[in-house]
Every structure is written in structure tokens, then in C-alpha cells.
Amino acid sequence: MYILNKCELAGLVLALVLFGLPSASPAWIFGDVVTIEQLSFRPDSIKVPGDSFAVLVVQNREDGPILHEVTSQSLFESGTLIQVMGTGKVEYSGKRVSRILLYPGEEVVIWFYAEKGRTYPFQCNINGHAMQGVV
């Protein structure tokens, strides 16, 4: 399993800006890589400017065979402009993403429009993990 480093993430962001976004959209996308290690999100808080496109990359780097999930009512709510891709399993509730499952070595790239003044908490509650993070 191959995991993106920060340079590769920058390349992905640039490709999205040049090829994947409408011409009227902002010229920059903000975000960072969040790793899952020792039953926690690292870092557990990311800041992005409001009214901009953001990329949240979550990678499961656990040593043991520990399954994690990424859930978020605000990121995955109806009406949020979002695109999800990666090696994790995406589960849906109707047409809306409900959660993403990540085994060790898997990752997910969540591309979304971050509205000014909003926060986007995300968590892993599978098997009582109680891990939390926020954009």
C-alpha cells in the first residue's frame, strides 16, 4: 500500500486546481495529512481559510490490524460539496457518505468546500475508540 507524502499531496492539489475545478472557483486548496497512530488522529486539528476548497487526507498507520472509521455529520451532511477517493471503503446512506473504513495502510482523500465560520469535526467511534479531530 502506497501512502502520499506532503509533496505528492501538493501535486494532487495542483492537479485538482488545474484540471478538476470550475474556472470560477478559488485558485488555492488548503489542507493537510492526518495520520491515525496509537489510537489517535495526528494532528487532531487543522485550520483552513473559510470559503475555500480544502483537502483532508486521513491515513491509517497503525502497526496492528486495527480498523478505523472516519465519520462526520458536518462533512458528510446533505448539501456539502464533497468528493471522496482513496483506498478505504466508503459506505453510503442513500447518496450521502455515512462513513469511511480504513484498515492499516489505507487512506482516504476528502476534498470539500469549507464554508467561512464553520467547523468540521470528524471522529472514529468504531469499537469504542472515541478519537476526534476537527477542520
C-alpha atoms as a PDB file:
ATOM      1  CA  MET A   1       0.000   0.000   0.000  1.00  0.00           C
ATOM      2  CA  TYR A   2       1.400   3.391  -1.008  1.00  0.00           C
ATOM      3  CA  ILE A   3       0.748   6.460   1.169  1.00  0.00           C
ATOM      4  CA  LEU A   4       1.000  10.056  -0.096  1.00  0.00           C
ATOM      5  CA  ASN A   5       3.720  12.281   1.302  1.00  0.00           C
ATOM      6  CA  LYS A   6       3.333  16.084   1.513  1.00  0.00           C
ATOM      7  CA  CYS A   7       4.977  16.680  -1.893  1.00  0.00           C
ATOM      8  CA  GLU A   8       2.624  14.200  -3.549  1.00  0.00           C
ATOM      9  CA  LEU A   9      -0.334  15.800  -1.758  1.00  0.00           C
ATOM     10  CA  ALA A  10       0.762  19.165  -3.185  1.00  0.00           C
ATOM     11  CA  GLY A  11       0.845  17.581  -6.646  1.00  0.00           C
ATOM     12  CA  LEU A  12      -2.657  16.182  -6.183  1.00  0.00           C
ATOM     13  CA  VAL A  13      -3.913  19.572  -5.039  1.00  0.00           C
ATOM     14  CA  LEU A  14      -2.290  21.261  -8.043  1.00  0.00           C
ATOM     15  CA  ALA A  15      -3.873  18.712 -10.391  1.00  0.00           C
ATOM     16  CA  LEU A  16      -7.284  19.384  -8.827  1.00  0.00           C
ATOM     17  CA  VAL A  17      -6.798  23.131  -9.249  1.00  0.00           C
ATOM     18  CA  LEU A  18      -5.660  22.841 -12.874  1.00  0.00           C
ATOM     19  CA  PHE A  19      -7.961  20.099 -14.113  1.00  0.00           C
ATOM     20  CA  GLY A  20     -10.721  19.317 -11.652  1.00  0.00           C
ATOM     21  CA  LEU A  21     -12.187  22.630 -10.563  1.00  0.00           C
ATOM     22  CA  PRO A  22     -14.506  25.014 -12.426  1.00  0.00           C
ATOM     23  CA  SER A  23     -12.774  28.179 -13.650  1.00  0.00           C
ATOM     24  CA  ALA A  24     -14.807  30.391 -11.284  1.00  0.00           C
ATOM     25  CA  SER A  25     -13.523  28.600  -8.184  1.00  0.00           C
ATOM     26  CA  PRO A  26     -10.696  29.821  -5.903  1.00  0.00           C
ATOM     27  CA  ALA A  27      -7.124  29.303  -7.070  1.00  0.00           C
ATOM     28  CA  TRP A  28      -5.965  27.583  -3.880  1.00  0.00           C
ATOM     29  CA  ILE A  29      -6.872  24.469  -1.996  1.00  0.00           C
ATOM     30  CA  PHE A  30      -5.830  24.130   1.641  1.00  0.00           C
ATOM     31  CA  GLY A  31      -5.369  21.009   3.748  1.00  0.00           C
ATOM     32  CA  ASP A  32      -3.045  18.571   5.385  1.00  0.00           C
ATOM     33  CA  VAL A  33      -2.354  14.918   6.041  1.00  0.00           C
ATOM     34  CA  VAL A  34      -3.796  13.420   9.232  1.00  0.00           C
ATOM     35  CA  THR A  35      -2.384  10.083  10.337  1.00  0.00           C
ATOM     36  CA  ILE A  36      -4.002   7.550  12.616  1.00  0.00           C
ATOM     37  CA  GLU A  37      -1.395   6.249  15.030  1.00  0.00           C
ATOM     38  CA  GLN A  38      -1.701   4.814  18.555  1.00  0.00           C
ATOM     39  CA  LEU A  39      -5.493   5.255  18.539  1.00  0.00           C
ATOM     40  CA  SER A  40      -5.414   8.996  17.794  1.00  0.00           C
ATOM     41  CA  PHE A  41      -5.587  11.460  14.898  1.00  0.00           C
ATOM     42  CA  ARG A  42      -2.283  13.338  14.400  1.00  0.00           C
ATOM     43  CA  PRO A  43      -2.687  16.277  14.199  1.00  0.00           C
ATOM     44  CA  ASP A  44      -6.176  16.389  15.645  1.00  0.00           C
ATOM     45  CA  SER A  45      -6.837  19.959  14.474  1.00  0.00           C
ATOM     46  CA  ILE A  46      -6.324  21.554  11.052  1.00  0.00           C
ATOM     47  CA  LYS A  47      -7.028  25.169  10.093  1.00  0.00           C
ATOM     48  CA  VAL A  48      -8.097  26.236   6.607  1.00  0.00           C
ATOM     49  CA  PRO A  49      -9.347  29.628   5.429  1.00  0.00           C
ATOM     50  CA  GLY A  50     -13.104  29.945   5.116  1.00  0.00           C
ATOM     51  CA  ASP A  51     -14.807  29.914   1.737  1.00  0.00           C
ATOM     52  CA  SER A  52     -12.041  27.838   0.162  1.00  0.00           C
ATOM     53  CA  PHE A  53     -11.542  24.326  -1.089  1.00  0.00           C
ATOM     54  CA  ALA A  54      -9.891  22.005   1.425  1.00  0.00           C
ATOM     55  CA  VAL A  55      -8.339  18.562   1.271  1.00  0.00           C
ATOM     56  CA  LEU A  56      -8.303  16.254   4.280  1.00  0.00           C
ATOM     57  CA  VAL A  57      -6.111  13.178   3.786  1.00  0.00           C
ATOM     58  CA  VAL A  58      -6.501  10.551   6.524  1.00  0.00           C
ATOM     59  CA  GLN A  59      -4.027   7.646   6.623  1.00  0.00           C
ATOM     60  CA  ASN A  60      -4.258   4.603   8.901  1.00  0.00           C
ATOM     61  CA  ARG A  61      -0.658   3.958  10.021  1.00  0.00           C
ATOM     62  CA  GLU A  62      -1.425   1.600  12.901  1.00  0.00           C
ATOM     63  CA  ASP A  63       1.081  -1.213  13.353  1.00  0.00           C
ATOM     64  CA  GLY A  64      -1.501  -3.827  14.274  1.00  0.00           C
ATOM     65  CA  PRO A  65      -4.573  -4.898  12.321  1.00  0.00           C
ATOM     66  CA  ILE A  66      -6.765  -2.116  13.759  1.00  0.00           C
ATOM     67  CA  LEU A  67      -9.743  -0.982  11.686  1.00  0.00           C
ATOM     68  CA  HIS A  68     -10.677   2.703  11.977  1.00  0.00           C
ATOM     69  CA  GLU A  69     -13.516   4.784  10.608  1.00  0.00           C
ATOM     70  CA  VAL A  70     -13.912   8.414   9.617  1.00  0.00           C
ATOM     71  CA  THR A  71     -17.360   9.824  10.290  1.00  0.00           C
ATOM     72  CA  SER A  72     -18.520  13.424  10.264  1.00  0.00           C
ATOM     73  CA  GLN A  73     -22.046  14.787  10.371  1.00  0.00           C
ATOM     74  CA  SER A  74     -20.932  18.192   9.063  1.00  0.00           C
ATOM     75  CA  LEU A  75     -18.585  16.959   6.308  1.00  0.00           C
ATOM     76  CA  PHE A  76     -20.981  14.276   5.145  1.00  0.00           C
ATOM     77  CA  GLU A  77     -24.248  16.230   5.513  1.00  0.00           C
ATOM     78  CA  SER A  78     -26.505  16.778   2.551  1.00  0.00           C
ATOM     79  CA  GLY A  79     -25.591  19.949   0.658  1.00  0.00           C
ATOM     80  CA  THR A  80     -21.848  19.894   1.452  1.00  0.00           C
ATOM     81  CA  LEU A  81     -19.758  19.967  -1.714  1.00  0.00           C
ATOM     82  CA  ILE A  82     -17.551  16.903  -1.211  1.00  0.00           C
ATOM     83  CA  GLN A  83     -15.560  14.343  -3.187  1.00  0.00           C
ATOM     84  CA  VAL A  84     -14.132  11.214  -1.537  1.00  0.00           C
ATOM     85  CA  MET A  85     -11.452   8.967  -3.043  1.00  0.00           C
ATOM     86  CA  GLY A  86      -8.782   6.611  -1.791  1.00  0.00           C
ATOM     87  CA  THR A  87      -8.212   3.031  -0.770  1.00  0.00           C
ATOM     88  CA  GLY A  88     -10.595   2.872   2.195  1.00  0.00           C
ATOM     89  CA  LYS A  89     -14.148   1.536   1.951  1.00  0.00           C
ATOM     90  CA  VAL A  90     -16.735   4.308   1.568  1.00  0.00           C
ATOM     91  CA  GLU A  91     -20.187   3.491   2.962  1.00  0.00           C
ATOM     92  CA  TYR A  92     -23.276   5.417   1.928  1.00  0.00           C
ATOM     93  CA  SER A  93     -26.685   6.232   3.371  1.00  0.00           C
ATOM     94  CA  GLY A  94     -28.656   6.832   0.200  1.00  0.00           C
ATOM     95  CA  LYS A  95     -26.468   9.165  -1.890  1.00  0.00           C
ATOM     96  CA  ARG A  96     -24.697  10.645   1.150  1.00  0.00           C
ATOM     97  CA  VAL A  97     -21.393   9.354   2.554  1.00  0.00           C
ATOM     98  CA  SER A  98     -22.053   7.887   6.012  1.00  0.00           C
ATOM     99  CA  ARG A  99     -18.547   6.708   6.945  1.00  0.00           C
ATOM    100  CA  ILE A 100     -15.200   5.576   5.592  1.00  0.00           C
ATOM    101  CA  LEU A 101     -13.466   2.432   6.883  1.00  0.00           C
ATOM    102  CA  LEU A 102      -9.659   2.319   6.882  1.00  0.00           C
ATOM    103  CA  TYR A 103      -7.533  -0.762   7.520  1.00  0.00           C
ATOM    104  CA  PRO A 104      -3.795  -0.281   8.255  1.00  0.00           C
ATOM    105  CA  GLY A 105      -2.039   1.074   5.160  1.00  0.00           C
ATOM    106  CA  GLU A 106      -5.214   2.532   3.669  1.00  0.00           C
ATOM    107  CA  GLU A 107      -6.015   6.202   3.192  1.00  0.00           C
ATOM    108  CA  VAL A 108      -8.844   8.476   2.130  1.00  0.00           C
ATOM    109  CA  VAL A 109      -8.729  11.867   0.435  1.00  0.00           C
ATOM    110  CA  ILE A 110     -11.720  14.049   1.316  1.00  0.00           C
ATOM    111  CA  TRP A 111     -11.993  17.118  -0.909  1.00  0.00           C
ATOM    112  CA  PHE A 112     -14.637  19.636   0.217  1.00  0.00           C
ATOM    113  CA  TYR A 113     -15.669  23.277   0.232  1.00  0.00           C
ATOM    114  CA  ALA A 114     -15.025  24.773   3.692  1.00  0.00           C
ATOM    115  CA  GLU A 115     -17.564  27.469   4.450  1.00  0.00           C
ATOM    116  CA  LYS A 116     -16.408  30.506   6.412  1.00  0.00           C
ATOM    117  CA  GLY A 117     -17.309  30.326  10.112  1.00  0.00           C
ATOM    118  CA  ARG A 118     -17.964  26.553  10.128  1.00  0.00           C
ATOM    119  CA  THR A 119     -16.033  23.786  11.796  1.00  0.00           C
ATOM    120  CA  TYR A 120     -15.933  20.230  10.519  1.00  0.00           C
ATOM    121  CA  PRO A 121     -15.402  17.727  13.333  1.00  0.00           C
ATOM    122  CA  PHE A 122     -14.561  14.147  12.385  1.00  0.00           C
ATOM    123  CA  GLN A 123     -14.225  11.069  14.553  1.00  0.00           C
ATOM    124  CA  CYS A 124     -13.630   7.349  14.866  1.00  0.00           C
ATOM    125  CA  ASN A 125     -16.017   5.639  17.263  1.00  0.00           C
ATOM    126  CA  ILE A 126     -15.613   2.088  15.988  1.00  0.00           C
ATOM    127  CA  ASN A 127     -15.106  -0.425  18.810  1.00  0.00           C
ATOM    128  CA  GLY A 128     -15.125   2.383  21.395  1.00  0.00           C
ATOM    129  CA  HIS A 129     -12.057   4.214  20.025  1.00  0.00           C
ATOM    130  CA  ALA A 130     -13.502   7.717  20.755  1.00  0.00           C
ATOM    131  CA  MET A 131     -10.928   9.503  18.547  1.00  0.00           C
ATOM    132  CA  GLN A 132     -11.747  13.083  17.487  1.00  0.00           C
ATOM    133  CA  GLY A 133     -10.365  15.701  15.143  1.00  0.00           C
ATOM    134  CA  VAL A 134     -11.550  18.961  13.587  1.00  0.00           C
ATOM    135  CA  VAL A 135     -11.020  21.097  10.480  1.00  0.00           C
END
